[in-house]
Protein backbone atom coordinates (compact mmCIF):
# COMPACT_ATOMS: atom_id res chain seq x y z
CA UNK A 1 -56.59 127.34 250.63
CA UNK A 2 -56.98 124.57 248.07
CA UNK A 3 -60.06 124.16 245.89
CA UNK A 4 -61.67 120.79 246.22
CA UNK A 5 -63.63 118.98 243.55
CA UNK A 6 -67.05 118.21 244.89
CA UNK A 7 -69.20 115.64 243.11
CA UNK A 8 -72.51 116.76 241.68
CA UNK A 9 -75.43 116.21 244.02
CA UNK A 10 -78.51 114.27 242.94
CA UNK A 11 -80.56 117.47 242.79
CA UNK A 12 -77.98 119.15 240.54
CA UNK A 13 -77.85 116.09 238.28
CA UNK A 14 -81.67 116.05 237.96
CA UNK A 15 -81.72 119.76 237.10
CA UNK A 16 -78.98 119.31 234.50
CA UNK A 17 -80.74 116.36 232.84
CA UNK A 18 -84.04 118.28 232.92
CA UNK A 19 -82.45 121.34 231.30
CA UNK A 20 -80.91 119.18 228.57
CA UNK A 21 -84.30 117.54 227.93
CA UNK A 22 -85.98 120.94 227.62
CA UNK A 23 -83.28 122.08 225.18
CA UNK A 24 -83.78 118.92 223.10
CA UNK A 25 -87.55 119.43 222.93
CA UNK A 26 -87.13 123.09 221.91
CA UNK A 27 -84.61 122.07 219.23
CA UNK A 28 -86.96 119.44 217.81
CA UNK A 29 -89.85 121.92 217.75
CA UNK A 30 -87.82 124.67 216.10
CA UNK A 31 -85.76 122.74 213.59
CA UNK A 32 -87.88 119.65 213.06
CA UNK A 33 -90.57 121.57 211.20
CA UNK A 34 -93.25 121.30 213.87
CA UNK A 35 -93.48 125.08 214.01
CA UNK A 36 -94.56 126.18 210.49
CA UNK A 37 -92.20 128.40 208.53
CA UNK A 38 -89.01 127.57 210.40
CA UNK A 39 -87.89 124.57 208.36
CA UNK A 40 -86.77 125.24 204.77
CA UNK A 41 -88.40 123.26 201.99
CA UNK A 42 -85.52 121.49 200.25
CA UNK A 43 -87.75 120.12 197.51
CA UNK A 44 -88.09 123.55 195.89
CA UNK A 45 -84.95 125.11 194.46
CA UNK A 46 -84.40 128.80 195.04
CA UNK A 47 -85.04 131.05 192.07
CA UNK A 48 -83.16 133.99 190.64
CA UNK A 49 -83.66 136.43 187.80
CA UNK A 50 -81.07 136.28 185.05
CA UNK A 51 -81.26 137.99 181.68
CA UNK A 52 -84.86 139.03 182.43
CA UNK A 53 -86.08 135.47 183.12
CA UNK A 54 -86.75 133.55 186.31
CA UNK A 55 -84.61 130.45 186.77
CA UNK A 56 -84.24 127.70 189.33
CA UNK A 57 -80.73 128.14 190.66
CA UNK A 58 -78.01 126.21 192.47
CA UNK A 59 -74.27 126.39 193.03
CA UNK A 60 -72.18 123.49 191.78
CA UNK A 61 -68.70 122.89 193.25
CA UNK A 62 -66.26 122.33 190.42
CA UNK A 63 -63.85 119.38 190.43
CA UNK A 64 -60.14 119.70 191.13
CA UNK A 65 -57.70 117.57 189.12
CA UNK A 66 -56.11 114.51 190.69
CA UNK A 67 -52.35 114.11 191.04
CA UNK A 68 -51.48 117.55 189.69
CA UNK A 69 -53.10 116.98 186.30
CA UNK A 70 -54.74 119.70 184.27
CA UNK A 71 -57.98 117.84 183.42
CA UNK A 72 -60.60 116.86 185.98
CA UNK A 73 -62.98 113.95 186.17
CA UNK A 74 -66.55 114.86 185.19
CA UNK A 75 -69.08 115.50 187.96
CA UNK A 76 -72.86 115.23 187.63
CA UNK A 77 -75.50 117.61 188.97
CA UNK A 78 -79.26 117.61 188.57
CA UNK A 79 -81.53 120.63 188.81
CA UNK A 80 -85.23 120.80 187.88
CA UNK A 81 -85.03 117.65 185.73
CA UNK A 82 -81.98 118.90 183.81
CA UNK A 83 -78.75 116.91 184.19
CA UNK A 84 -75.43 118.75 184.10
CA UNK A 85 -72.02 117.15 183.61
CA UNK A 86 -69.10 119.50 184.37
CA UNK A 87 -65.34 119.08 183.99
CA UNK A 88 -62.32 121.37 183.81
CA UNK A 89 -59.50 121.43 181.26
CA UNK A 90 -56.28 123.45 181.20
CA UNK A 91 -56.73 123.61 184.95
CA UNK A 92 -54.61 126.32 186.54
CA UNK A 93 -55.28 128.63 189.46
CA UNK A 94 -52.78 131.16 188.11
CA UNK A 95 -53.29 130.92 184.36
CA UNK A 96 -57.03 130.35 184.20
CA UNK A 97 -59.01 127.24 183.36
CA UNK A 98 -61.69 126.18 180.92
CA UNK A 99 -65.07 124.99 182.20
CA UNK A 100 -66.65 122.35 179.96
CA UNK A 101 -70.05 120.82 180.33
CA UNK A 102 -73.17 119.26 178.96
CA UNK A 103 -76.71 120.10 179.99
CA UNK A 104 -79.29 117.45 179.11
CA UNK A 105 -82.98 118.38 179.15
CA UNK A 106 -85.68 115.79 179.98
CA UNK A 107 -86.59 115.54 176.25
CA UNK A 108 -83.01 114.43 175.49
CA UNK A 109 -81.72 117.71 174.04
CA UNK A 110 -78.05 118.15 174.97
CA UNK A 111 -76.32 121.52 175.10
CA UNK A 112 -72.52 121.58 175.22
CA UNK A 113 -70.66 124.60 176.56
CA UNK A 114 -67.03 125.49 177.02
CA UNK A 115 -65.69 128.79 178.30
CA UNK A 116 -62.99 130.34 180.44
CA UNK A 117 -59.28 130.69 179.93
CA UNK A 118 -56.75 133.29 180.95
CA UNK A 119 -58.26 136.61 181.90
CA UNK A 120 -55.40 138.08 183.95
CA UNK A 121 -57.59 138.26 187.06
CA UNK A 122 -59.19 135.58 189.20
CA UNK A 123 -62.58 137.35 189.05
CA UNK A 124 -64.26 137.25 185.67
CA UNK A 125 -67.71 136.17 184.55
CA UNK A 126 -68.54 133.86 181.68
CA UNK A 127 -71.96 132.57 180.84
CA UNK A 128 -73.69 130.14 178.56
CA UNK A 129 -77.39 130.46 177.70
CA UNK A 130 -78.95 127.72 175.61
CA UNK A 131 -80.96 128.60 172.51
CA UNK A 132 -84.39 129.58 173.80
CA UNK A 133 -82.93 130.30 177.25
CA UNK A 134 -84.11 127.12 179.00
CA UNK A 135 -80.67 126.42 180.52
CA UNK A 136 -77.91 128.78 181.61
CA UNK A 137 -74.53 128.37 183.30
CA UNK A 138 -72.63 131.23 184.91
CA UNK A 139 -69.01 130.93 186.00
CA UNK A 140 -67.04 133.62 187.74
CA UNK A 141 -63.70 131.86 187.38
CA UNK A 142 -63.65 130.37 190.85
CA UNK A 143 -64.43 126.96 192.35
CA UNK A 144 -68.22 127.25 191.96
CA UNK A 145 -70.46 127.38 188.90
CA UNK A 146 -74.04 128.66 188.96
CA UNK A 147 -76.50 126.32 187.25
CA UNK A 148 -79.79 127.83 186.05
CA UNK A 149 -82.91 126.11 184.67
CA UNK A 150 -85.93 128.07 183.46
CA UNK A 151 -88.61 128.04 186.14
């Protein structure tokens, strides 16, 4: 016996549309912030404790060089009114790279940092903490850097 394709009846179509409408309303209520506590507040950065201090924290994806070069274009990030500019030199997945950067505070103070290099393993940790500890950068030798600003 052959299966036949039967078109959807009007009643089935109405039930399907009604179910989709209910799903849409539930989604808006849950993820649109109409139910308190379910929508994250993106205006406030998460915090972490580092070196005994509480910092605002974010992950910054590091640039990859264009056309097989070993130097990357600088990329800008902003966190808690501090501007970071990051770029890589001696870029090599196998041999290790150097993370360079500048962190500029709202008062105009600029901190330059440069660390990394060959460590023989793809998992190391380098860090820079500015004098006074207002700004910190942590890099574990991978494609992300952790940017920290004193909370």
